[in-house]
C-alpha atoms as a PDB file:
ATOM      1  CA  MET A   1       0.818 -31.610  -1.351  1.00  0.00           C
ATOM      2  CA  ASN A   2       2.590 -30.401   1.817  1.00  0.00           C
ATOM      3  CA  GLN A   3       2.367 -26.701   1.053  1.00  0.00           C
ATOM      4  CA  ASN A   4       4.089 -24.102   3.230  1.00  0.00           C
ATOM      5  CA  LEU A   5       3.878 -20.663   1.630  1.00  0.00           C
ATOM      6  CA  VAL A   6       4.601 -18.786   4.846  1.00  0.00           C
ATOM      7  CA  SER A   7       5.855 -19.631   8.297  1.00  0.00           C
ATOM      8  CA  LEU A   8       6.112 -16.948  10.929  1.00  0.00           C
ATOM      9  CA  THR A   9       5.424 -16.340  14.586  1.00  0.00           C
ATOM     10  CA  PHE A  10       4.885 -13.271  16.733  1.00  0.00           C
ATOM     11  CA  SER A  11       6.003 -13.035  20.339  1.00  0.00           C
ATOM     12  CA  ASP A  12       3.684 -11.487  22.916  1.00  0.00           C
ATOM     13  CA  VAL A  13       6.081  -8.530  23.121  1.00  0.00           C
ATOM     14  CA  ALA A  14       6.008  -8.046  19.345  1.00  0.00           C
ATOM     15  CA  LEU A  15       2.189  -8.183  19.295  1.00  0.00           C
ATOM     16  CA  ALA A  16       2.016  -5.633  22.130  1.00  0.00           C
ATOM     17  CA  GLU A  17       4.380  -3.324  20.203  1.00  0.00           C
ATOM     18  CA  ILE A  18       2.326  -3.769  17.006  1.00  0.00           C
ATOM     19  CA  ASP A  19      -0.879  -2.969  18.895  1.00  0.00           C
ATOM     20  CA  ALA A  20       0.762   0.115  20.438  1.00  0.00           C
ATOM     21  CA  ALA A  21       1.975   1.262  17.008  1.00  0.00           C
ATOM     22  CA  LEU A  22      -1.517   0.767  15.548  1.00  0.00           C
ATOM     23  CA  SER A  23      -3.011   2.751  18.438  1.00  0.00           C
ATOM     24  CA  THR A  24      -0.537   5.547  17.724  1.00  0.00           C
ATOM     25  CA  LEU A  25      -1.482   5.523  14.028  1.00  0.00           C
ATOM     26  CA  GLU A  26      -5.193   5.535  14.864  1.00  0.00           C
ATOM     27  CA  ARG A  27      -4.696   8.460  17.245  1.00  0.00           C
ATOM     28  CA  HIS A  28      -2.674  10.522  14.754  1.00  0.00           C
ATOM     29  CA  PHE A  29      -4.943   9.656  11.831  1.00  0.00           C
ATOM     30  CA  ALA A  30      -8.183  10.253  13.764  1.00  0.00           C
ATOM     31  CA  ASP A  31      -8.994  13.297  11.616  1.00  0.00           C
ATOM     32  CA  LEU A  32      -8.664  11.479   8.282  1.00  0.00           C
ATOM     33  CA  SER A  33     -11.771  11.845   6.141  1.00  0.00           C
ATOM     34  CA  SER A  34     -14.258   9.111   5.446  1.00  0.00           C
ATOM     35  CA  LEU A  35     -16.218   9.731   2.251  1.00  0.00           C
ATOM     36  CA  SER A  36     -19.542   8.169   1.393  1.00  0.00           C
ATOM     37  CA  PRO A  37     -19.777   6.228  -1.889  1.00  0.00           C
ATOM     38  CA  GLU A  38     -21.797   9.103  -3.354  1.00  0.00           C
ATOM     39  CA  GLN A  39     -19.148  11.640  -2.306  1.00  0.00           C
ATOM     40  CA  ARG A  40     -16.431   9.464  -3.810  1.00  0.00           C
ATOM     41  CA  ARG A  41     -18.341   9.370  -7.098  1.00  0.00           C
ATOM     42  CA  ASN A  42     -19.097  13.091  -7.227  1.00  0.00           C
ATOM     43  CA  ILE A  43     -16.014  14.929  -5.946  1.00  0.00           C
ATOM     44  CA  LEU A  44     -13.323  16.335  -8.189  1.00  0.00           C
ATOM     45  CA  LYS A  45     -10.386  13.931  -8.366  1.00  0.00           C
ATOM     46  CA  MET A  46      -6.758  14.955  -8.762  1.00  0.00           C
ATOM     47  CA  GLY A  47      -4.790  12.496 -10.906  1.00  0.00           C
ATOM     48  CA  ASP A  48      -1.179  12.837 -12.029  1.00  0.00           C
ATOM     49  CA  LYS A  49      -1.889  15.285 -14.864  1.00  0.00           C
ATOM     50  CA  THR A  50      -4.299  17.291 -12.736  1.00  0.00           C
ATOM     51  CA  GLU A  51      -1.748  17.426  -9.926  1.00  0.00           C
ATOM     52  CA  ALA A  52       0.834  18.947 -12.280  1.00  0.00           C
ATOM     53  CA  PHE A  53      -1.769  21.533 -13.346  1.00  0.00           C
ATOM     54  CA  CYS A  54      -2.598  22.275  -9.703  1.00  0.00           C
ATOM     55  CA  ARG A  55       1.047  22.663  -8.675  1.00  0.00           C
ATOM     56  CA  GLN A  56       1.690  25.088 -11.547  1.00  0.00           C
ATOM     57  CA  THR A  57      -1.495  27.016 -10.793  1.00  0.00           C
ATOM     58  CA  MET A  58      -0.573  27.254  -7.091  1.00  0.00           C
ATOM     59  CA  LEU A  59       2.835  28.711  -7.994  1.00  0.00           C
ATOM     60  CA  LEU A  60       1.275  31.217 -10.371  1.00  0.00           C
ATOM     61  CA  ALA A  61      -1.455  32.117  -7.874  1.00  0.00           C
ATOM     62  CA  ALA A  62       1.128  32.664  -5.115  1.00  0.00           C
ATOM     63  CA  GLN A  63       3.107  34.991  -7.402  1.00  0.00           C
ATOM     64  CA  ASN A  64      -0.057  36.899  -8.336  1.00  0.00           C
ATOM     65  CA  SER A  65      -2.142  36.689  -5.165  1.00  0.00           C
ATOM     66  CA  GLN A  66      -3.421  40.257  -5.689  1.00  0.00           C
ATOM     67  CA  ALA A  67      -5.344  38.996  -8.739  1.00  0.00           C
ATOM     68  CA  LEU A  68      -7.254  36.402  -6.709  1.00  0.00           C
ATOM     69  CA  PRO A  69     -10.671  37.269  -5.290  1.00  0.00           C
ATOM     70  CA  PRO A  70     -10.863  37.365  -1.479  1.00  0.00           C
ATOM     71  CA  SER A  71     -13.260  34.387  -1.539  1.00  0.00           C
ATOM     72  CA  LEU A  72     -10.379  32.094  -2.638  1.00  0.00           C
ATOM     73  CA  ASN A  73      -8.466  30.946   0.429  1.00  0.00           C
ATOM     74  CA  MET A  74      -4.894  30.605  -0.822  1.00  0.00           C
ATOM     75  CA  SER A  75      -3.467  29.738   2.595  1.00  0.00           C
ATOM     76  CA  GLU A  76      -5.972  26.856   2.988  1.00  0.00           C
ATOM     77  CA  ALA A  77      -5.071  25.485  -0.457  1.00  0.00           C
ATOM     78  CA  GLN A  78      -1.358  25.750   0.370  1.00  0.00           C
ATOM     79  CA  ALA A  79      -1.949  23.973   3.696  1.00  0.00           C
ATOM     80  CA  ASP A  80      -3.865  21.217   1.863  1.00  0.00           C
ATOM     81  CA  PHE A  81      -0.975  20.717  -0.570  1.00  0.00           C
ATOM     82  CA  HIS A  82       1.544  20.690   2.258  1.00  0.00           C
ATOM     83  CA  CYS A  83      -0.508  18.071   4.116  1.00  0.00           C
ATOM     84  CA  LEU A  84      -0.873  15.992   0.933  1.00  0.00           C
ATOM     85  CA  ASP A  85       2.897  16.054   0.451  1.00  0.00           C
ATOM     86  CA  GLN A  86       3.406  15.019   4.080  1.00  0.00           C
ATOM     87  CA  ILE A  87       0.863  12.205   4.242  1.00  0.00           C
ATOM     88  CA  ARG A  88       1.173  10.663   0.777  1.00  0.00           C
ATOM     89  CA  PRO A  89       4.502   8.808   1.308  1.00  0.00           C
ATOM     90  CA  ARG A  90       3.191   7.432   4.599  1.00  0.00           C
ATOM     91  CA  LEU A  91      -0.034   6.261   2.965  1.00  0.00           C
ATOM     92  CA  HIS A  92       2.029   4.507   0.270  1.00  0.00           C
ATOM     93  CA  ARG A  93       3.950   2.693   3.010  1.00  0.00           C
ATOM     94  CA  LEU A  94       0.695   1.728   4.720  1.00  0.00           C
ATOM     95  CA  ARG A  95      -0.780   0.430   1.421  1.00  0.00           C
ATOM     96  CA  ASP A  96       2.351  -1.642   0.783  1.00  0.00           C
ATOM     97  CA  LEU A  97       2.227  -3.030   4.322  1.00  0.00           C
ATOM     98  CA  LEU A  98      -1.495  -3.782   4.005  1.00  0.00           C
ATOM     99  CA  ALA A  99      -0.928  -5.557   0.668  1.00  0.00           C
ATOM    100  CA  ARG A 100       1.787  -7.723   2.258  1.00  0.00           C
ATOM    101  CA  GLY A 101      -0.510  -8.364   5.224  1.00  0.00           C
ATOM    102  CA  ASP A 102      -3.352  -9.397   2.903  1.00  0.00           C
ATOM    103  CA  ASP A 103      -0.992 -11.702   0.981  1.00  0.00           C
ATOM    104  CA  THR A 104       0.248 -13.228   4.244  1.00  0.00           C
ATOM    105  CA  ASP A 105      -3.349 -13.705   5.437  1.00  0.00           C
ATOM    106  CA  MET A 106      -4.156 -15.476   2.171  1.00  0.00           C
ATOM    107  CA  ALA A 107      -0.991 -17.617   2.272  1.00  0.00           C
ATOM    108  CA  LEU A 108      -1.599 -18.668   5.895  1.00  0.00           C
ATOM    109  CA  GLY A 109      -5.177 -19.612   5.059  1.00  0.00           C
ATOM    110  CA  SER A 110      -3.996 -21.550   2.023  1.00  0.00           C
ATOM    111  CA  ASP A 111      -1.373 -23.394   4.085  1.00  0.00           C
ATOM    112  CA  ILE A 112      -4.001 -24.313   6.690  1.00  0.00           C
ATOM    113  CA  TYR A 113      -6.535 -25.408   4.078  1.00  0.00           C
ATOM    114  CA  SER A 114      -3.905 -27.478   2.227  1.00  0.00           C
ATOM    115  CA  PHE A 115      -2.875 -29.199   5.463  1.00  0.00           C
ATOM    116  CA  CYS A 116      -6.491 -29.905   6.393  1.00  0.00           C
ATOM    117  CA  LEU A 117      -7.253 -31.437   2.990  1.00  0.00           C
ATOM    118  CA  ASP A 118      -4.199 -33.681   3.285  1.00  0.00           C
ATOM    119  CA  ALA A 119      -4.998 -34.559   6.914  1.00  0.00           C
ATOM    120  CA  TYR A 120      -8.624 -35.322   6.054  1.00  0.00           C
ATOM    121  CA  ALA A 121      -7.541 -37.575   3.188  1.00  0.00           C
ATOM    122  CA  SER A 122      -5.126 -39.410   5.495  1.00  0.00           C
ATOM    123  CA  LEU A 123      -7.756 -39.808   8.218  1.00  0.00           C
ATOM    124  CA  LYS A 124     -10.277 -41.004   5.639  1.00  0.00           C
ATOM    125  CA  ILE A 125      -7.866 -43.690   4.424  1.00  0.00           C
ATOM    126  CA  ALA A 126      -7.139 -44.735   8.002  1.00  0.00           C
ATOM    127  CA  GLY A 127     -10.904 -44.888   8.710  1.00  0.00           C
ATOM    128  CA  LYS A 128     -10.374 -43.906  12.313  1.00  0.00           C
ATOM    129  CA  GLY A 129     -13.032 -42.590  14.678  1.00  0.00           C
ATOM    130  CA  ALA A 130     -16.687 -41.607  14.680  1.00  0.00           C
ATOM    131  CA  ALA A 131     -15.707 -37.929  14.766  1.00  0.00           C
ATOM    132  CA  LEU A 132     -14.378 -38.349  11.243  1.00  0.00           C
ATOM    133  CA  GLU A 133     -17.903 -39.189  10.076  1.00  0.00           C
ATOM    134  CA  THR A 134     -19.226 -35.859  11.401  1.00  0.00           C
ATOM    135  CA  LEU A 135     -16.388 -34.022   9.679  1.00  0.00           C
ATOM    136  CA  ARG A 136     -17.008 -36.011   6.496  1.00  0.00           C
ATOM    137  CA  GLN A 137     -20.700 -35.076   6.505  1.00  0.00           C
ATOM    138  CA  ALA A 138     -19.889 -31.400   7.044  1.00  0.00           C
ATOM    139  CA  MET A 139     -17.293 -31.513   4.284  1.00  0.00           C
ATOM    140  CA  ALA A 140     -19.639 -33.404   1.934  1.00  0.00           C
ATOM    141  CA  ALA A 141     -22.360 -30.790   2.485  1.00  0.00           C
ATOM    142  CA  ARG A 142     -19.857 -28.033   1.714  1.00  0.00           C
ATOM    143  CA  ILE A 143     -18.534 -29.757  -1.407  1.00  0.00           C
ATOM    144  CA  ASN A 144     -22.010 -30.736  -2.663  1.00  0.00           C
ATOM    145  CA  ARG A 145     -23.280 -27.181  -2.204  1.00  0.00           C
ATOM    146  CA  GLY A 146     -20.390 -25.897  -4.343  1.00  0.00           C
ATOM    147  CA  ALA A 147     -20.947 -28.599  -6.962  1.00  0.00           C
ATOM    148  CA  LYS A 148     -24.662 -27.772  -7.271  1.00  0.00           C
ATOM    149  CA  ALA A 149     -23.886 -24.097  -7.777  1.00  0.00           C
ATOM    150  CA  LYS A 150     -21.574 -25.012 -10.662  1.00  0.00           C
ATOM    151  CA  VAL A 151     -24.020 -27.484 -12.246  1.00  0.00           C
ATOM    152  CA  GLU A 152     -27.147 -25.309 -12.097  1.00  0.00           C
ATOM    153  CA  PRO A 153     -26.026 -22.511 -14.482  1.00  0.00           C
ATOM    154  CA  SER A 154     -25.078 -24.979 -17.247  1.00  0.00           C
ATOM    155  CA  ALA A 155     -28.349 -26.912 -16.818  1.00  0.00           C
ATOM    156  CA  ARG A 156     -30.338 -23.883 -17.915  1.00  0.00           C
END
């Protein structure tokens, strides 16, 4: 098959710079929230349409702040919107970078797996070495376990 989806290397200097950049991000994002699954299910969520409503309401509320009860903290809501507008483009960049990283991780793993399948097949044909037998047994156990899982549901 001879697959090569990705080929890249990182110098020690590049890895040190990446680690330093990640440390900087972790330090600056230390106060980001972490919601529990229950919180994520139960909180109000602002989608695109809701955001338009909220932006209009914020403008109207700012123009008519005397009509708002003192219990509503307009400055906190404005600060939240300002922070959202600041962080959102950076989070989009991080998501894009993470998606590319995940794809690269998958492609590297696929390249390695493809090579190993081809190498194993070549070694098997050559019939070289007792170590190949151990690898063959480990591989056979892995393949047989997967085959049984596929056969069992249809046998029912």
